[in-house]
Amino acid sequence: MNALKVSLIYLLLMAGVFAGGPDENGISGRFFNAPVTDLLMVHARISGQPIAASAEVKAIKAGINLSLKNESKAGALRRIEQALLEQAGVQISRETDGSVSARKVGAT
């Protein structure tokens, strides 16, 4: 769990985030104009599952704004997925084989 804390904090800082990581109270962090790919990496780190993303998703220029405060793991993942969908038109899907993918849906 300690490695997850360090990794998440590093990813959050690399994404231009000011604040936190998982602690005994939950997952906290602020994203301001964060690239889609950075949020996909944070999602993958929290969930423990890599996300397959197409070149179309990786090329999205939309910056994502999101604030997490003391969220549970499931809550943080849900909020990240909601922000990706609403702000960039990117949907996270769990496939029948257990893999996770990100795809572009509709216009942003």
N, C-alpha and C. Protein backbone atom coordinates (compact mmCIF):
# COMPACT_ATOMS: atom_id res chain seq x y z
N MET A 1 0.82 -1.19 0.00
CA MET A 1 0.00 0.00 0.00
C MET A 1 0.86 1.26 0.00
N ASN A 2 2.00 1.22 0.69
CA ASN A 2 2.88 2.37 0.74
C ASN A 2 3.41 2.72 -0.65
N ALA A 3 3.73 1.70 -1.46
CA ALA A 3 4.20 1.95 -2.83
C ALA A 3 3.11 2.63 -3.65
N LEU A 4 1.85 2.25 -3.42
CA LEU A 4 0.73 2.89 -4.12
C LEU A 4 0.65 4.36 -3.75
N LYS A 5 0.83 4.68 -2.47
CA LYS A 5 0.80 6.08 -2.03
C LYS A 5 1.87 6.89 -2.74
N VAL A 6 3.09 6.38 -2.73
CA VAL A 6 4.21 7.09 -3.35
C VAL A 6 3.98 7.26 -4.85
N SER A 7 3.55 6.20 -5.51
CA SER A 7 3.32 6.26 -6.95
C SER A 7 2.21 7.23 -7.31
N LEU A 8 1.11 7.20 -6.56
CA LEU A 8 0.00 8.09 -6.85
C LEU A 8 0.40 9.54 -6.63
N ILE A 9 1.10 9.82 -5.56
CA ILE A 9 1.54 11.19 -5.30
C ILE A 9 2.45 11.66 -6.42
N TYR A 10 3.37 10.80 -6.87
CA TYR A 10 4.27 11.14 -7.97
C TYR A 10 3.47 11.43 -9.24
N LEU A 11 2.52 10.57 -9.57
CA LEU A 11 1.70 10.80 -10.77
C LEU A 11 0.88 12.07 -10.65
N LEU A 12 0.33 12.32 -9.48
CA LEU A 12 -0.44 13.54 -9.29
C LEU A 12 0.43 14.78 -9.47
N LEU A 13 1.62 14.75 -8.92
CA LEU A 13 2.52 15.89 -9.08
C LEU A 13 2.95 16.06 -10.53
N MET A 14 3.20 14.96 -11.22
CA MET A 14 3.60 15.02 -12.63
C MET A 14 2.46 15.57 -13.49
N ALA A 15 1.23 15.37 -13.07
CA ALA A 15 0.07 15.84 -13.82
C ALA A 15 -0.24 17.30 -13.50
N GLY A 16 0.59 17.95 -12.72
CA GLY A 16 0.34 19.33 -12.37
C GLY A 16 -0.66 19.46 -11.23
N VAL A 17 -0.77 18.43 -10.46
CA VAL A 17 -1.75 18.39 -9.39
C VAL A 17 -1.16 19.01 -8.14
N PHE A 18 -1.99 19.70 -7.41
CA PHE A 18 -1.60 20.22 -6.11
C PHE A 18 -2.38 19.44 -5.09
N ALA A 19 -1.70 18.58 -4.36
CA ALA A 19 -2.27 17.85 -3.23
C ALA A 19 -2.16 16.37 -3.39
N GLY A 20 -2.47 15.74 -2.42
CA GLY A 20 -2.56 14.46 -1.86
C GLY A 20 -2.38 13.17 -2.59
N GLY A 21 -2.75 12.18 -1.89
CA GLY A 21 -2.72 10.81 -2.33
C GLY A 21 -3.52 10.01 -1.34
N PRO A 22 -3.51 8.70 -1.50
CA PRO A 22 -4.32 7.91 -0.59
C PRO A 22 -3.73 7.92 0.82
N ASP A 23 -4.56 8.06 1.79
CA ASP A 23 -4.14 7.93 3.17
C ASP A 23 -5.24 7.22 3.93
N GLU A 24 -5.16 7.22 5.24
CA GLU A 24 -6.16 6.49 6.00
C GLU A 24 -7.56 7.08 5.83
N ASN A 25 -7.67 8.32 5.36
CA ASN A 25 -8.97 8.96 5.16
C ASN A 25 -9.47 8.84 3.73
N GLY A 26 -8.70 8.32 2.82
CA GLY A 26 -9.13 8.18 1.44
C GLY A 26 -8.17 8.82 0.46
N ILE A 27 -8.61 8.95 -0.76
CA ILE A 27 -7.80 9.48 -1.85
C ILE A 27 -8.19 10.94 -2.08
N SER A 28 -7.18 11.81 -2.10
CA SER A 28 -7.41 13.23 -2.31
C SER A 28 -6.45 13.74 -3.37
N GLY A 29 -6.88 14.71 -4.14
CA GLY A 29 -6.03 15.33 -5.13
C GLY A 29 -6.81 16.34 -5.95
N ARG A 30 -6.09 17.29 -6.52
CA ARG A 30 -6.73 18.29 -7.38
C ARG A 30 -6.05 18.26 -8.73
N PHE A 31 -6.86 18.23 -9.76
CA PHE A 31 -6.37 18.24 -11.13
C PHE A 31 -6.86 19.51 -11.78
N PHE A 32 -5.96 20.28 -12.33
CA PHE A 32 -6.33 21.49 -13.05
C PHE A 32 -5.74 21.41 -14.45
N ASN A 33 -6.61 21.34 -15.43
CA ASN A 33 -6.20 21.27 -16.83
C ASN A 33 -5.27 20.08 -17.08
N ALA A 34 -5.54 18.96 -16.43
CA ALA A 34 -4.70 17.76 -16.55
C ALA A 34 -4.98 17.05 -17.87
N PRO A 35 -3.94 16.59 -18.56
CA PRO A 35 -4.14 15.83 -19.79
C PRO A 35 -4.90 14.53 -19.53
N VAL A 36 -5.68 14.11 -20.51
CA VAL A 36 -6.44 12.86 -20.43
C VAL A 36 -5.52 11.70 -20.09
N THR A 37 -4.36 11.64 -20.73
CA THR A 37 -3.45 10.52 -20.50
C THR A 37 -2.98 10.46 -19.04
N ASP A 38 -2.82 11.61 -18.39
CA ASP A 38 -2.41 11.61 -16.99
C ASP A 38 -3.52 11.04 -16.11
N LEU A 39 -4.76 11.42 -16.38
CA LEU A 39 -5.86 10.87 -15.59
C LEU A 39 -6.03 9.37 -15.84
N LEU A 40 -5.76 8.92 -17.06
CA LEU A 40 -5.81 7.48 -17.33
C LEU A 40 -4.74 6.75 -16.52
N MET A 41 -3.56 7.35 -16.40
CA MET A 41 -2.49 6.73 -15.60
C MET A 41 -2.86 6.69 -14.12
N VAL A 42 -3.46 7.76 -13.61
CA VAL A 42 -3.88 7.78 -12.21
C VAL A 42 -4.96 6.72 -11.98
N HIS A 43 -5.92 6.63 -12.90
CA HIS A 43 -6.98 5.62 -12.80
C HIS A 43 -6.37 4.22 -12.77
N ALA A 44 -5.43 3.97 -13.66
CA ALA A 44 -4.78 2.65 -13.72
C ALA A 44 -4.04 2.35 -12.43
N ARG A 45 -3.39 3.34 -11.87
CA ARG A 45 -2.62 3.14 -10.64
C ARG A 45 -3.56 2.83 -9.47
N ILE A 46 -4.66 3.55 -9.38
CA ILE A 46 -5.61 3.32 -8.29
C ILE A 46 -6.28 1.96 -8.43
N SER A 47 -6.69 1.62 -9.67
CA SER A 47 -7.42 0.36 -9.89
C SER A 47 -6.50 -0.85 -9.92
N GLY A 48 -5.23 -0.62 -10.22
CA GLY A 48 -4.30 -1.74 -10.36
C GLY A 48 -4.40 -2.44 -11.69
N GLN A 49 -5.11 -1.84 -12.64
CA GLN A 49 -5.28 -2.43 -13.98
C GLN A 49 -4.84 -1.43 -15.03
N PRO A 50 -3.98 -1.85 -15.96
CA PRO A 50 -3.60 -0.96 -17.06
C PRO A 50 -4.81 -0.68 -17.95
N ILE A 51 -4.79 0.48 -18.59
CA ILE A 51 -5.88 0.86 -19.48
C ILE A 51 -5.34 0.95 -20.90
N ALA A 52 -5.97 0.21 -21.80
CA ALA A 52 -5.62 0.29 -23.22
C ALA A 52 -6.34 1.49 -23.82
N ALA A 53 -5.59 2.43 -24.39
CA ALA A 53 -6.18 3.63 -24.99
C ALA A 53 -5.71 3.75 -26.43
N SER A 54 -6.64 4.09 -27.29
CA SER A 54 -6.32 4.25 -28.71
C SER A 54 -5.54 5.55 -28.92
N ALA A 55 -4.95 5.67 -30.09
CA ALA A 55 -4.22 6.89 -30.45
C ALA A 55 -5.17 8.09 -30.43
N GLU A 56 -6.43 7.87 -30.80
CA GLU A 56 -7.43 8.93 -30.80
C GLU A 56 -7.63 9.48 -29.37
N VAL A 57 -7.69 8.60 -28.40
CA VAL A 57 -7.85 9.03 -27.00
C VAL A 57 -6.58 9.74 -26.53
N LYS A 58 -5.43 9.19 -26.85
CA LYS A 58 -4.17 9.79 -26.43
C LYS A 58 -3.94 11.18 -27.02
N ALA A 59 -4.58 11.46 -28.16
CA ALA A 59 -4.39 12.74 -28.85
C ALA A 59 -5.35 13.83 -28.37
N ILE A 60 -6.28 13.51 -27.49
CA ILE A 60 -7.26 14.49 -27.02
C ILE A 60 -6.54 15.60 -26.25
N LYS A 61 -6.85 16.83 -26.61
CA LYS A 61 -6.19 17.99 -26.02
C LYS A 61 -6.94 18.58 -24.83
N ALA A 62 -8.14 18.11 -24.56
CA ALA A 62 -8.94 18.67 -23.46
C ALA A 62 -8.20 18.52 -22.14
N GLY A 63 -8.24 19.57 -21.34
CA GLY A 63 -7.68 19.51 -20.00
C GLY A 63 -8.79 19.18 -19.02
N ILE A 64 -8.53 18.28 -18.10
CA ILE A 64 -9.54 17.84 -17.15
C ILE A 64 -9.35 18.54 -15.81
N ASN A 65 -10.45 19.02 -15.26
CA ASN A 65 -10.46 19.62 -13.93
C ASN A 65 -11.26 18.72 -13.00
N LEU A 66 -10.65 18.38 -11.88
CA LEU A 66 -11.29 17.45 -10.95
C LEU A 66 -10.67 17.63 -9.57
N SER A 67 -11.50 17.57 -8.57
CA SER A 67 -11.03 17.62 -7.19
C SER A 67 -11.56 16.41 -6.44
N LEU A 68 -10.65 15.68 -5.81
CA LEU A 68 -11.01 14.52 -5.00
C LEU A 68 -10.63 14.82 -3.56
N LYS A 69 -11.54 14.53 -2.64
CA LYS A 69 -11.23 14.77 -1.23
C LYS A 69 -11.72 13.58 -0.42
N ASN A 70 -10.77 12.85 0.12
CA ASN A 70 -11.05 11.71 0.99
C ASN A 70 -12.02 10.72 0.36
N GLU A 71 -11.81 10.43 -0.92
CA GLU A 71 -12.65 9.48 -1.65
C GLU A 71 -12.19 8.05 -1.38
N SER A 72 -13.13 7.14 -1.36
CA SER A 72 -12.78 5.72 -1.33
C SER A 72 -12.17 5.37 -2.69
N LYS A 73 -11.55 4.23 -2.77
CA LYS A 73 -10.97 3.79 -4.05
C LYS A 73 -12.06 3.75 -5.13
N ALA A 74 -13.19 3.12 -4.83
CA ALA A 74 -14.29 3.03 -5.80
C ALA A 74 -14.83 4.41 -6.14
N GLY A 75 -14.95 5.27 -5.14
CA GLY A 75 -15.45 6.62 -5.38
C GLY A 75 -14.51 7.44 -6.25
N ALA A 76 -13.21 7.33 -6.00
CA ALA A 76 -12.23 8.06 -6.80
C ALA A 76 -12.26 7.59 -8.25
N LEU A 77 -12.33 6.28 -8.45
CA LEU A 77 -12.39 5.75 -9.82
C LEU A 77 -13.65 6.23 -10.52
N ARG A 78 -14.77 6.20 -9.83
CA ARG A 78 -16.05 6.65 -10.40
C ARG A 78 -15.98 8.13 -10.79
N ARG A 79 -15.40 8.97 -9.91
CA ARG A 79 -15.29 10.40 -10.18
C ARG A 79 -14.35 10.69 -11.35
N ILE A 80 -13.23 9.94 -11.44
CA ILE A 80 -12.30 10.11 -12.56
C ILE A 80 -13.00 9.73 -13.86
N GLU A 81 -13.71 8.60 -13.86
CA GLU A 81 -14.42 8.16 -15.06
C GLU A 81 -15.48 9.18 -15.48
N GLN A 82 -16.19 9.73 -14.52
CA GLN A 82 -17.22 10.73 -14.82
C GLN A 82 -16.59 11.99 -15.44
N ALA A 83 -15.48 12.46 -14.87
CA ALA A 83 -14.80 13.65 -15.39
C ALA A 83 -14.28 13.41 -16.80
N LEU A 84 -13.69 12.23 -17.05
CA LEU A 84 -13.20 11.91 -18.39
C LEU A 84 -14.34 11.91 -19.40
N LEU A 85 -15.47 11.33 -19.04
CA LEU A 85 -16.60 11.27 -19.95
C LEU A 85 -17.21 12.64 -20.20
N GLU A 86 -17.46 13.38 -19.14
CA GLU A 86 -18.12 14.69 -19.27
C GLU A 86 -17.23 15.76 -19.90
N GLN A 87 -15.94 15.75 -19.59
CA GLN A 87 -15.07 16.83 -20.04
C GLN A 87 -14.27 16.52 -21.29
N ALA A 88 -14.13 15.23 -21.62
CA ALA A 88 -13.31 14.89 -22.79
C ALA A 88 -13.98 13.86 -23.70
N GLY A 89 -15.14 13.36 -23.32
CA GLY A 89 -15.80 12.37 -24.15
C GLY A 89 -15.09 11.03 -24.18
N VAL A 90 -14.41 10.69 -23.09
CA VAL A 90 -13.67 9.43 -23.01
C VAL A 90 -14.39 8.51 -22.03
N GLN A 91 -14.71 7.32 -22.51
CA GLN A 91 -15.40 6.34 -21.68
C GLN A 91 -14.47 5.19 -21.32
N ILE A 92 -14.45 4.84 -20.03
CA ILE A 92 -13.68 3.70 -19.55
C ILE A 92 -14.61 2.49 -19.57
N SER A 93 -14.16 1.41 -20.18
CA SER A 93 -14.96 0.19 -20.26
C SER A 93 -14.20 -0.99 -19.70
N ARG A 94 -14.90 -1.82 -18.96
CA ARG A 94 -14.34 -3.08 -18.47
C ARG A 94 -14.83 -4.17 -19.40
N GLU A 95 -13.89 -4.82 -20.06
CA GLU A 95 -14.22 -5.82 -21.07
C GLU A 95 -14.52 -7.17 -20.41
N THR A 96 -15.15 -8.08 -21.16
CA THR A 96 -15.50 -9.39 -20.63
C THR A 96 -14.27 -10.22 -20.27
N ASP A 97 -13.14 -9.95 -20.90
CA ASP A 97 -11.92 -10.69 -20.59
C ASP A 97 -11.18 -10.13 -19.38
N GLY A 98 -11.76 -9.09 -18.75
CA GLY A 98 -11.15 -8.51 -17.56
C GLY A 98 -10.28 -7.30 -17.84
N SER A 99 -10.00 -7.00 -19.09
CA SER A 99 -9.17 -5.84 -19.43
C SER A 99 -9.99 -4.55 -19.32
N VAL A 100 -9.28 -3.43 -19.31
CA VAL A 100 -9.91 -2.13 -19.22
C VAL A 100 -9.45 -1.31 -20.42
N SER A 101 -10.39 -0.60 -21.05
CA SER A 101 -10.03 0.21 -22.20
C SER A 101 -10.68 1.59 -22.12
N ALA A 102 -10.09 2.53 -22.83
CA ALA A 102 -10.62 3.89 -22.93
C ALA A 102 -10.91 4.17 -24.39
N ARG A 103 -12.12 4.66 -24.65
CA ARG A 103 -12.47 4.98 -26.04
C ARG A 103 -13.18 6.32 -26.11
N LYS A 104 -13.07 6.97 -27.24
CA LYS A 104 -13.70 8.26 -27.49
C LYS A 104 -15.16 8.03 -27.86
N VAL A 105 -16.06 8.76 -27.22
CA VAL A 105 -17.48 8.69 -27.54
C VAL A 105 -18.01 10.09 -27.78
N GLY A 106 -18.69 10.30 -28.88
CA GLY A 106 -19.31 11.59 -29.17
C GLY A 106 -18.32 12.73 -29.27
N ALA A 107 -18.84 13.92 -29.46
CA ALA A 107 -18.02 15.12 -29.59
C ALA A 107 -17.81 15.75 -28.22
N THR A 108 -16.66 16.44 -28.06
CA THR A 108 -16.37 17.11 -26.79
C THR A 108 -16.73 18.57 -26.87
